[in-house]
Amino acid sequence: MRLLEKDTIVAISTPPGESGIGIIRMSGNKAIEIAQKVFRDKNLKERKIVDYSTHTAHYGFIIDPENKKIIDEIILILMKKPYSYTREDMIEFNCHGGILILKKVIELLLKCGARLANPGEFTKRAFLNGRIDLSQAEAIIDLIQAKTERSLQSSLTQLEGRLKEKITKLKEILIEILAEIEANIDFPDQDIRELNVDKLSRRIKNILEEVNSLLNTFTYGKIIREGINVVIIGKTNVGKSSLFNALLKENRAIVTPLPGTTRDALEELITLQGIAFRIIDTAGIKNPENQIEEISLRKMKSLLDKADLILAMFDISAQFSQEDEEIIQEINKAIEKNKKVLIIENKIDLERKMEKERLFSDLKIKESIRTSVKERLGINKLEKEMVKIVFKGIITPHNGITINNIRQKEALQKAKKALEFSLRGIKKNIPYDLLYIDLREALDFLGEITGEQINEEIVENIFSRFCIGK
């Protein structure tokens, strides 16, 4: 895979807006040469940047080489190849954080021969220059986007190269097996030890077990990385918005005694035991009386399709209503789609009027979570149950290594399929050359995870998700 020309790239690496410091980073063969044109020391004297030691900081100024005008007072940080993020010569300018100042410095560096970096191009160069593998590059995205302690730790584990180490070990075993098979194919008349089929099967089965073990971490990894979409449903005035506020521990949604206060969905993020829960408060189910309520109802049903967890609320201080029946229908549909559902009986501080037997029978449940959102009763238990149901039936990795994106999962599934084909082939006594093809495919699919066997289009797609300065 080719490196995008040999351009020297530059970008602002700090978020837009006013701040005390704004960082501009530059990488490439001409990074030092370009910096030499614009940097002056504290006495406005030109210094040979190439003579500076790597990983050192230098106080000075950015000047326009044409008119010698000072653009900004800065700290220059030099990182010489190969001991830099990209394994190229890198310069970072720590400027003042004004939008106009940073824009002027960027324009000056472009005029002196740099090119504006594409999204993720610094990290892409780190990958192409062999500093990190593709799984580590993906971990960097996850690290930047991490919203909880668990997702942060998961990203750091992958960034450390633990997944890469695991995949590399599996590939080394496969390469040894392939070498033995190839020797028997190419030199059948030589004094080469005949393949032990039973031993070969055991070795392939061991690899397959490791692949399956990694695949089993996908659901856990996806939850840690992306969080859980939680939709609160119920009829109007059941207490959905009050529950929404109670989970957020702030008054985000408007709460009044009037039914139908919530017309549009409200969404906020909370963290429970290191898991990100995206809580969505929806409009109450009722017979729509106008176009706005019809739109709200359609949107609520659309959100249910995307929900990972549904909190279904019932007001037990009121008799069963047509709206309650509709909610039960929606819940049963969701359960048929393998959605996770928690049933909440709210307003337990009031006299019970809803028939418990009928509710439990219609929903085919044996227990519920009883709350009085108004009195803050049952909220802690609800939060614990939310975490518990999310991880029910999910394998939690003990070594911290997880698969958390579709690309990695699909590559492992393909490797698994190729390994299974090879085991079936051994049982059928297929020729060694056909067995070699199946195992070679498994090796290539494992290589896709680390980026050794992957096309440029996929690489471009991965790095396009980065910000410009990373």
Protein backbone atom coordinates (compact mmCIF):
# COMPACT_ATOMS: atom_id res chain seq x y z
CA MET A 1 0.00 0.00 0.00
CA ARG A 2 1.51 3.29 -1.04
CA LEU A 3 2.02 6.30 1.16
CA LEU A 4 0.18 9.34 -0.14
CA GLU A 5 3.09 10.85 -2.07
CA LYS A 6 5.89 12.10 0.14
CA ASP A 7 4.16 15.32 1.09
CA THR A 8 4.78 17.11 4.32
CA ILE A 9 1.40 17.47 5.99
CA VAL A 10 0.15 20.00 8.51
CA ALA A 11 -3.01 20.48 10.58
CA ILE A 12 -4.40 22.08 13.71
CA SER A 13 -4.59 19.35 16.36
CA THR A 14 -6.62 21.18 19.00
CA PRO A 15 -10.40 21.78 18.86
CA PRO A 16 -11.64 24.95 17.15
CA GLY A 17 -12.41 27.94 19.35
CA GLU A 18 -10.50 30.28 21.65
CA SER A 19 -8.10 28.75 24.16
CA GLY A 20 -4.82 29.40 25.91
CA ILE A 21 -2.87 27.11 23.56
CA GLY A 22 -3.45 25.90 20.02
CA ILE A 23 -1.25 23.11 18.65
CA ILE A 24 -0.26 22.77 15.00
CA ARG A 25 1.52 19.59 14.01
CA MET A 26 3.56 18.97 10.87
CA SER A 27 5.01 15.68 9.60
CA GLY A 28 7.10 14.66 6.61
CA ASN A 29 10.53 14.79 4.99
CA LYS A 30 10.45 18.57 4.71
CA ALA A 31 9.00 19.31 8.16
CA ILE A 32 12.32 20.57 9.56
CA GLU A 33 13.12 22.49 6.37
CA ILE A 34 9.74 24.27 6.41
CA ALA A 35 9.99 25.02 10.13
CA GLN A 36 13.45 26.48 9.53
CA LYS A 37 11.92 29.07 7.22
CA VAL A 38 9.45 30.41 9.78
CA PHE A 39 11.03 29.86 13.22
CA ARG A 40 13.24 32.36 15.05
CA ASP A 41 14.66 32.04 18.56
CA LYS A 42 13.91 34.36 21.52
CA ASN A 43 16.31 36.95 20.07
CA LEU A 44 14.67 36.68 16.63
CA LYS A 45 17.81 34.94 15.34
CA GLU A 46 17.69 32.08 12.85
CA ARG A 47 18.84 28.77 14.34
CA LYS A 48 19.52 25.42 12.66
CA ILE A 49 16.61 23.31 13.83
CA VAL A 50 18.22 20.16 12.43
CA ASP A 51 20.99 20.56 15.03
CA TYR A 52 18.52 20.50 17.92
CA SER A 53 18.25 17.21 19.81
CA THR A 54 15.11 15.20 19.20
CA HIS A 55 12.22 15.54 21.67
CA THR A 56 13.24 19.01 22.82
CA ALA A 57 11.19 22.19 23.19
CA HIS A 58 12.39 25.61 22.06
CA TYR A 59 10.94 29.04 22.81
CA GLY A 60 10.76 31.53 19.95
CA PHE A 61 8.60 33.18 17.31
CA ILE A 62 6.86 32.39 14.04
CA ILE A 63 7.74 35.00 11.44
CA ASP A 64 6.71 35.57 7.84
CA PRO A 65 9.98 34.95 5.92
CA GLU A 66 8.98 37.46 3.22
CA ASN A 67 8.39 40.54 5.36
CA LYS A 68 9.94 39.34 8.67
CA LYS A 69 6.71 40.20 10.47
CA ILE A 70 6.06 38.32 13.74
CA ILE A 71 2.97 36.11 13.53
CA ASP A 72 3.03 34.56 17.03
CA GLU A 73 5.13 33.78 20.07
CA ILE A 74 5.43 29.99 20.30
CA ILE A 75 7.10 26.86 21.66
CA LEU A 76 8.54 24.58 18.95
CA ILE A 77 8.77 20.86 19.74
CA LEU A 78 11.02 18.72 17.53
CA MET A 79 10.65 14.94 17.07
CA LYS A 80 13.10 13.40 14.63
CA LYS A 81 12.39 10.20 12.70
CA PRO A 82 11.96 7.38 13.50
CA TYR A 83 11.18 8.37 17.10
CA SER A 84 7.91 10.17 16.42
CA TYR A 85 4.22 9.35 16.17
CA THR A 86 4.42 8.95 12.38
CA ARG A 87 8.04 7.71 12.24
CA GLU A 88 8.73 10.80 10.14
CA ASP A 89 10.29 14.09 11.16
CA MET A 90 7.63 15.94 13.14
CA ILE A 91 7.32 19.51 14.36
CA GLU A 92 4.67 20.78 16.76
CA PHE A 93 4.04 24.49 17.19
CA ASN A 94 2.43 25.42 20.52
CA CYS A 95 0.81 28.71 19.59
CA HIS A 96 -1.70 30.96 21.28
CA GLY A 97 -5.15 29.48 20.83
CA GLY A 98 -6.88 32.20 18.83
CA ILE A 99 -8.66 31.12 15.65
CA LEU A 100 -7.08 33.88 13.55
CA ILE A 101 -3.54 33.19 14.82
CA LEU A 102 -3.73 29.47 14.05
CA LYS A 103 -5.20 30.20 10.63
CA LYS A 104 -2.33 32.59 9.83
CA VAL A 105 0.32 30.05 10.93
CA ILE A 106 -1.30 27.30 8.85
CA GLU A 107 -1.48 29.54 5.79
CA LEU A 108 2.20 30.42 6.24
CA LEU A 109 3.25 26.75 6.47
CA LEU A 110 1.18 25.89 3.39
CA LYS A 111 2.87 28.70 1.50
CA CYS A 112 6.27 27.32 2.56
CA GLY A 113 5.59 23.88 1.09
CA ALA A 114 3.36 21.86 3.42
CA ARG A 115 0.00 20.34 2.50
CA LEU A 116 -3.14 20.32 4.64
CA ALA A 117 -3.54 16.86 6.20
CA ASN A 118 -6.52 14.65 5.43
CA PRO A 119 -8.62 13.22 8.30
CA GLY A 120 -6.54 10.71 10.23
CA GLU A 121 -3.51 11.11 7.99
CA PHE A 122 -0.99 11.37 10.83
CA THR A 123 -2.22 8.06 12.29
CA LYS A 124 -2.43 6.56 8.80
CA ARG A 125 1.25 7.32 8.31
CA ALA A 126 2.00 5.74 11.69
CA PHE A 127 0.25 2.59 10.40
CA LEU A 128 1.86 2.59 6.96
CA ASN A 129 5.29 3.21 8.46
CA GLY A 130 4.87 0.21 10.77
CA ARG A 131 4.64 1.99 14.11
CA ILE A 132 1.16 0.61 14.85
CA ASP A 133 -1.07 -2.03 13.30
CA LEU A 134 -4.64 -1.49 12.12
CA SER A 135 -6.25 -2.75 15.33
CA GLN A 136 -4.19 -0.21 17.29
CA ALA A 137 -5.22 2.55 14.88
CA GLU A 138 -8.87 1.66 15.52
CA ALA A 139 -8.13 1.72 19.26
CA ILE A 140 -6.95 5.31 18.91
CA ILE A 141 -10.36 6.31 17.51
CA ASP A 142 -12.06 4.50 20.38
CA LEU A 143 -9.71 6.14 22.89
CA ILE A 144 -10.60 9.61 21.62
CA GLN A 145 -14.32 8.81 21.66
CA ALA A 146 -14.34 6.94 25.00
CA LYS A 147 -17.16 8.12 27.29
CA THR A 148 -16.67 5.76 30.25
CA GLU A 149 -13.83 4.29 32.29
CA ARG A 150 -14.50 0.80 30.90
CA SER A 151 -14.37 1.96 27.28
CA LEU A 152 -11.19 3.91 28.04
CA GLN A 153 -9.48 0.85 29.56
CA SER A 154 -10.65 -1.38 26.70
CA SER A 155 -9.19 1.06 24.15
CA LEU A 156 -5.90 1.31 26.06
CA THR A 157 -5.61 -2.49 26.15
CA GLN A 158 -5.97 -2.67 22.38
CA LEU A 159 -3.65 0.30 21.88
CA GLU A 160 -0.99 -1.53 23.89
CA GLY A 161 -1.07 -4.19 21.16
CA ARG A 162 -2.62 -7.05 23.17
CA LEU A 163 -4.94 -8.03 20.30
CA LYS A 164 -2.04 -7.74 17.87
CA GLU A 165 0.04 -10.07 20.05
CA LYS A 166 -2.79 -12.61 20.18
CA ILE A 167 -3.33 -12.57 16.42
CA THR A 168 0.42 -12.73 15.76
CA LYS A 169 0.78 -15.89 17.89
CA LEU A 170 -2.07 -17.59 16.02
CA LYS A 171 -0.53 -16.62 12.70
CA GLU A 172 2.88 -17.99 13.73
CA ILE A 173 1.33 -21.38 14.51
CA LEU A 174 -0.50 -21.36 11.16
CA ILE A 175 2.70 -20.45 9.32
CA GLU A 176 4.49 -23.41 10.95
CA ILE A 177 1.67 -25.75 9.89
CA LEU A 178 1.69 -24.35 6.34
CA ALA A 179 5.46 -24.80 6.10
CA GLU A 180 5.13 -28.48 7.08
CA ILE A 181 2.35 -29.04 4.54
CA GLU A 182 4.27 -27.23 1.80
CA ALA A 183 7.37 -29.35 2.46
CA ASN A 184 5.31 -32.53 1.99
CA ILE A 185 3.79 -31.11 -1.23
CA ASP A 186 7.04 -29.89 -2.79
CA PHE A 187 9.39 -32.68 -1.71
CA PRO A 188 7.35 -35.90 -1.54
CA ASP A 189 10.39 -38.08 -2.36
CA GLN A 190 12.73 -36.48 0.16
CA ASP A 191 13.39 -37.73 3.66
CA ILE A 192 10.72 -35.49 5.23
CA ARG A 193 8.66 -36.64 8.18
CA GLU A 194 5.09 -37.55 7.17
CA LEU A 195 2.42 -35.27 8.56
CA ASN A 196 0.76 -36.55 11.72
CA VAL A 197 -2.90 -35.98 10.85
CA ASP A 198 -4.17 -36.31 14.42
CA LYS A 199 -1.60 -33.85 15.73
CA LEU A 200 -2.36 -31.49 12.83
CA SER A 201 -6.09 -31.57 13.65
CA ARG A 202 -5.40 -30.81 17.31
CA ARG A 203 -3.27 -27.80 16.42
CA ILE A 204 -5.92 -26.44 14.06
CA LYS A 205 -8.63 -27.04 16.69
CA ASN A 206 -6.58 -25.08 19.23
CA ILE A 207 -6.40 -22.14 16.81
CA LEU A 208 -10.14 -22.43 16.16
CA GLU A 209 -10.85 -22.35 19.92
CA GLU A 210 -8.82 -19.14 20.25
CA VAL A 211 -10.68 -17.58 17.30
CA ASN A 212 -14.04 -18.55 18.84
CA SER A 213 -12.91 -17.13 22.16
CA LEU A 214 -12.19 -13.79 20.50
CA LEU A 215 -15.51 -13.84 18.63
CA ASN A 216 -17.34 -14.42 21.91
CA THR A 217 -16.04 -11.07 23.19
CA PHE A 218 -17.69 -9.09 20.39
CA THR A 219 -21.00 -8.34 22.11
CA TYR A 220 -19.22 -7.28 25.30
CA GLY A 221 -16.75 -5.15 23.33
CA LYS A 222 -19.55 -3.51 21.33
CA ILE A 223 -21.41 -2.60 24.54
CA ILE A 224 -18.25 -1.13 26.07
CA ARG A 225 -17.45 0.82 22.91
CA GLU A 226 -20.88 2.04 21.80
CA GLY A 227 -22.97 1.92 24.98
CA ILE A 228 -26.64 0.97 25.27
CA ASN A 229 -29.67 2.68 23.72
CA VAL A 230 -32.42 2.78 26.35
CA VAL A 231 -35.95 3.82 25.39
CA ILE A 232 -38.55 4.67 28.03
CA ILE A 233 -42.14 3.96 26.94
CA GLY A 234 -45.53 4.19 28.59
CA LYS A 235 -48.82 5.99 28.33
CA THR A 236 -49.07 9.72 29.00
CA ASN A 237 -48.52 10.90 32.56
CA VAL A 238 -47.12 7.54 33.68
CA GLY A 239 -43.90 9.17 34.93
CA LYS A 240 -41.51 8.70 31.99
CA SER A 241 -40.06 12.20 32.11
CA SER A 242 -39.73 12.03 35.90
CA LEU A 243 -37.82 8.75 35.52
CA PHE A 244 -35.69 10.33 32.80
CA ASN A 245 -34.79 13.16 35.21
CA ALA A 246 -34.20 10.74 38.10
CA LEU A 247 -31.71 8.68 36.06
CA LEU A 248 -29.95 11.85 34.92
CA LYS A 249 -30.08 13.27 38.44
CA GLU A 250 -31.14 16.62 37.00
CA ASN A 251 -34.33 18.23 35.71
CA ARG A 252 -33.74 17.84 31.99
CA ALA A 253 -37.31 17.02 30.89
CA ILE A 254 -40.31 19.23 31.65
CA VAL A 255 -42.60 17.55 34.17
CA THR A 256 -46.19 18.72 34.79
CA PRO A 257 -49.44 17.07 35.93
CA LEU A 258 -50.78 17.66 32.43
CA PRO A 259 -50.72 14.59 30.16
CA GLY A 260 -48.72 14.72 26.92
CA THR A 261 -46.06 17.21 28.07
CA THR A 262 -43.37 15.38 26.09
CA ARG A 263 -43.98 15.69 22.35
CA ASP A 264 -40.52 14.89 21.00
CA ALA A 265 -37.88 12.42 22.16
CA LEU A 266 -35.28 13.69 24.63
CA GLU A 267 -31.89 12.02 24.78
CA GLU A 268 -29.06 12.16 27.34
CA LEU A 269 -26.07 10.02 28.31
CA ILE A 270 -25.49 8.52 31.75
CA THR A 271 -22.88 6.12 33.09
CA LEU A 272 -23.74 3.12 35.28
CA GLN A 273 -20.92 0.86 36.48
CA GLY A 274 -18.70 2.03 33.66
CA ILE A 275 -21.29 1.48 30.92
CA ALA A 276 -22.70 4.33 28.81
CA PHE A 277 -26.50 4.32 28.69
CA ARG A 278 -28.13 6.62 26.14
CA ILE A 279 -31.50 7.33 27.79
CA ILE A 280 -34.34 8.36 25.47
CA ASP A 281 -37.60 9.78 26.85
CA THR A 282 -40.43 9.35 24.35
CA ALA A 283 -43.90 10.82 23.95
CA GLY A 284 -46.65 8.91 25.76
CA ILE A 285 -48.77 6.38 23.89
CA LYS A 286 -52.28 7.69 23.30
CA ASN A 287 -54.75 8.10 20.48
CA PRO A 288 -53.20 10.95 18.46
CA GLU A 289 -55.37 14.03 18.29
CA ASN A 290 -53.25 16.02 15.84
CA GLN A 291 -50.40 15.73 13.36
CA ILE A 292 -47.72 16.44 15.98
CA GLU A 293 -48.91 13.54 18.14
CA GLU A 294 -49.03 11.24 15.11
CA ILE A 295 -45.42 12.12 14.28
CA SER A 296 -44.40 11.59 17.94
CA LEU A 297 -46.02 8.13 17.94
CA ARG A 298 -44.26 7.09 14.72
CA LYS A 299 -40.94 8.33 16.07
CA MET A 300 -41.41 6.40 19.30
CA LYS A 301 -42.01 3.15 17.38
CA SER A 302 -38.95 3.84 15.24
CA LEU A 303 -36.84 4.32 18.38
CA LEU A 304 -38.11 0.99 19.75
CA ASP A 305 -36.65 -0.78 16.70
CA LYS A 306 -33.23 0.70 17.48
CA ALA A 307 -33.39 0.17 21.25
CA ASP A 308 -31.03 -2.23 23.04
CA LEU A 309 -33.06 -1.96 26.24
CA ILE A 310 -36.69 -0.91 26.77
CA LEU A 311 -37.98 0.48 30.07
CA ALA A 312 -41.75 -0.06 29.95
CA MET A 313 -43.64 1.91 32.60
CA PHE A 314 -47.12 1.23 33.97
CA ASP A 315 -49.09 3.41 36.36
CA ILE A 316 -50.41 0.92 38.92
CA SER A 317 -52.53 3.63 40.59
CA ALA A 318 -54.83 3.61 37.54
CA GLN A 319 -57.07 0.97 35.99
CA PHE A 320 -56.01 -0.82 32.79
CA SER A 321 -56.56 1.37 29.72
CA GLN A 322 -56.48 0.96 25.97
CA GLU A 323 -53.07 2.68 25.98
CA ASP A 324 -51.71 0.08 28.42
CA GLU A 325 -52.90 -2.70 26.10
CA GLU A 326 -51.11 -1.03 23.19
CA ILE A 327 -47.93 -0.79 25.24
CA ILE A 328 -48.15 -4.50 26.10
CA GLN A 329 -48.50 -5.28 22.39
CA GLU A 330 -45.41 -3.21 21.59
CA ILE A 331 -43.46 -4.94 24.38
CA ASN A 332 -44.41 -8.42 23.18
CA LYS A 333 -43.35 -7.46 19.64
CA ALA A 334 -40.01 -6.25 21.02
CA ILE A 335 -39.48 -9.47 23.00
CA GLU A 336 -40.11 -11.48 19.82
CA LYS A 337 -37.25 -9.49 18.28
CA ASN A 338 -35.02 -10.47 21.24
CA LYS A 339 -35.07 -6.98 22.72
CA LYS A 340 -34.22 -6.68 26.39
CA VAL A 341 -37.12 -5.28 28.44
CA LEU A 342 -37.55 -4.17 32.05
CA ILE A 343 -41.11 -3.74 33.33
CA ILE A 344 -41.56 -0.86 35.79
CA GLU A 345 -44.61 -0.60 38.02
CA ASN A 346 -44.63 3.07 38.97
CA LYS A 347 -46.52 5.12 41.61
CA ILE A 348 -46.29 2.48 44.32
CA ASP A 349 -46.78 5.28 46.86
CA LEU A 350 -50.44 5.43 45.75
CA GLU A 351 -53.25 2.91 46.13
CA ARG A 352 -52.95 0.06 43.62
CA LYS A 353 -55.77 -0.18 41.08
CA MET A 354 -54.10 -2.06 38.22
CA GLU A 355 -54.57 -5.84 38.39
CA LYS A 356 -51.13 -7.38 38.95
CA GLU A 357 -52.16 -10.85 37.76
CA ARG A 358 -53.49 -9.49 34.48
CA LEU A 359 -50.38 -7.36 33.88
CA PHE A 360 -47.99 -10.23 34.59
CA SER A 361 -50.07 -12.69 32.56
CA ASP A 362 -50.32 -10.44 29.49
CA LEU A 363 -46.57 -9.75 29.61
CA LYS A 364 -45.65 -13.34 30.53
CA ILE A 365 -43.38 -12.12 33.33
CA LYS A 366 -42.82 -13.22 36.93
CA GLU A 367 -41.35 -10.04 38.39
CA SER A 368 -41.11 -6.32 37.83
CA ILE A 369 -39.31 -3.31 39.28
CA ARG A 370 -41.54 -1.35 41.63
CA THR A 371 -40.90 2.38 41.82
CA SER A 372 -42.22 5.66 43.00
CA VAL A 373 -40.24 8.05 40.87
CA LYS A 374 -41.83 10.98 42.69
CA GLU A 375 -40.56 9.68 46.05
CA ARG A 376 -37.27 8.37 44.54
CA LEU A 377 -38.12 4.80 45.55
CA GLY A 378 -36.73 1.87 43.54
CA ILE A 379 -34.37 3.96 41.35
CA ASN A 380 -31.19 2.34 42.69
CA LYS A 381 -32.62 -1.13 42.10
CA LEU A 382 -33.63 -0.13 38.56
CA GLU A 383 -30.10 1.07 37.80
CA LYS A 384 -28.62 -2.22 39.04
CA GLU A 385 -31.11 -4.22 36.99
CA MET A 386 -30.28 -2.18 33.88
CA VAL A 387 -26.62 -3.20 34.13
CA LYS A 388 -27.51 -6.78 35.05
CA ILE A 389 -29.85 -7.36 32.10
CA VAL A 390 -27.39 -5.82 29.64
CA PHE A 391 -24.72 -8.39 30.56
CA LYS A 392 -27.07 -11.35 30.93
CA GLY A 393 -25.78 -14.19 28.75
CA ILE A 394 -22.75 -12.20 27.60
CA ILE A 395 -19.22 -13.56 28.02
CA THR A 396 -16.92 -11.14 29.82
CA PRO A 397 -13.27 -11.49 28.75
CA HIS A 398 -10.82 -12.21 31.56
CA ASN A 399 -7.68 -11.04 29.77
CA GLY A 400 -9.08 -7.67 28.66
CA ILE A 401 -8.78 -8.47 24.94
CA THR A 402 -12.01 -7.75 23.06
CA ILE A 403 -13.26 -7.52 19.51
CA ASN A 404 -15.38 -4.39 19.33
CA ASN A 405 -16.04 -3.58 15.70
CA ILE A 406 -17.68 -5.28 12.73
CA ARG A 407 -14.54 -5.29 10.57
CA GLN A 408 -12.58 -7.34 13.10
CA LYS A 409 -15.56 -9.63 13.74
CA GLU A 410 -16.07 -10.37 10.03
CA ALA A 411 -12.36 -11.14 9.52
CA LEU A 412 -12.46 -13.60 12.45
CA GLN A 413 -15.65 -15.22 11.15
CA LYS A 414 -13.99 -15.78 7.77
CA ALA A 415 -10.91 -17.23 9.48
CA LYS A 416 -13.16 -19.50 11.54
CA LYS A 417 -14.94 -20.74 8.42
CA ALA A 418 -11.64 -21.50 6.68
CA LEU A 419 -10.36 -23.40 9.73
CA GLU A 420 -13.57 -25.44 9.92
CA PHE A 421 -13.25 -26.27 6.21
CA SER A 422 -9.71 -27.50 6.80
CA LEU A 423 -10.80 -29.77 9.67
CA ARG A 424 -13.58 -31.27 7.53
CA GLY A 425 -11.06 -31.71 4.75
CA ILE A 426 -8.68 -33.62 7.01
CA LYS A 427 -11.50 -36.02 7.94
CA LYS A 428 -12.17 -36.59 4.23
CA ASN A 429 -8.45 -37.11 3.49
CA ILE A 430 -8.33 -34.28 0.94
CA PRO A 431 -4.99 -33.65 -0.83
CA TYR A 432 -2.44 -31.55 0.99
CA ASP A 433 -2.57 -28.79 -1.62
CA LEU A 434 -6.31 -28.23 -1.00
CA LEU A 435 -5.75 -28.26 2.76
CA TYR A 436 -3.00 -25.71 2.24
CA ILE A 437 -5.45 -23.37 0.45
CA ASP A 438 -7.95 -23.42 3.34
CA LEU A 439 -5.28 -22.74 5.97
CA ARG A 440 -3.70 -20.04 3.83
CA GLU A 441 -7.09 -18.32 3.67
CA ALA A 442 -7.38 -18.47 7.45
CA LEU A 443 -3.93 -16.89 7.73
CA ASP A 444 -4.88 -14.07 5.34
CA PHE A 445 -8.13 -13.34 7.19
CA LEU A 446 -6.26 -13.08 10.49
CA GLY A 447 -3.88 -10.71 8.71
CA GLU A 448 -6.83 -8.45 7.89
CA ILE A 449 -7.30 -7.68 11.59
CA THR A 450 -3.81 -6.26 11.96
CA GLY A 451 -3.84 -4.75 8.47
CA GLU A 452 -1.23 -6.93 6.80
CA GLN A 453 -3.78 -8.27 4.30
CA ILE A 454 -6.22 -5.49 3.53
CA ASN A 455 -7.16 -3.25 0.62
CA GLU A 456 -6.64 0.49 0.43
CA GLU A 457 -10.37 1.25 0.33
CA ILE A 458 -10.90 -0.25 3.80
CA VAL A 459 -7.89 1.62 5.17
CA GLU A 460 -9.20 4.90 3.75
CA ASN A 461 -12.60 4.24 5.33
CA ILE A 462 -11.08 3.61 8.76
CA PHE A 463 -8.91 6.72 8.81
CA SER A 464 -11.65 8.96 7.39
CA ARG A 465 -13.37 8.62 10.80
CA PHE A 466 -10.49 10.44 12.51
CA CYS A 467 -10.36 14.18 13.07
CA ILE A 468 -8.09 16.24 10.81
CA GLY A 469 -5.24 16.75 13.30
CA LYS A 470 -4.93 13.09 14.28
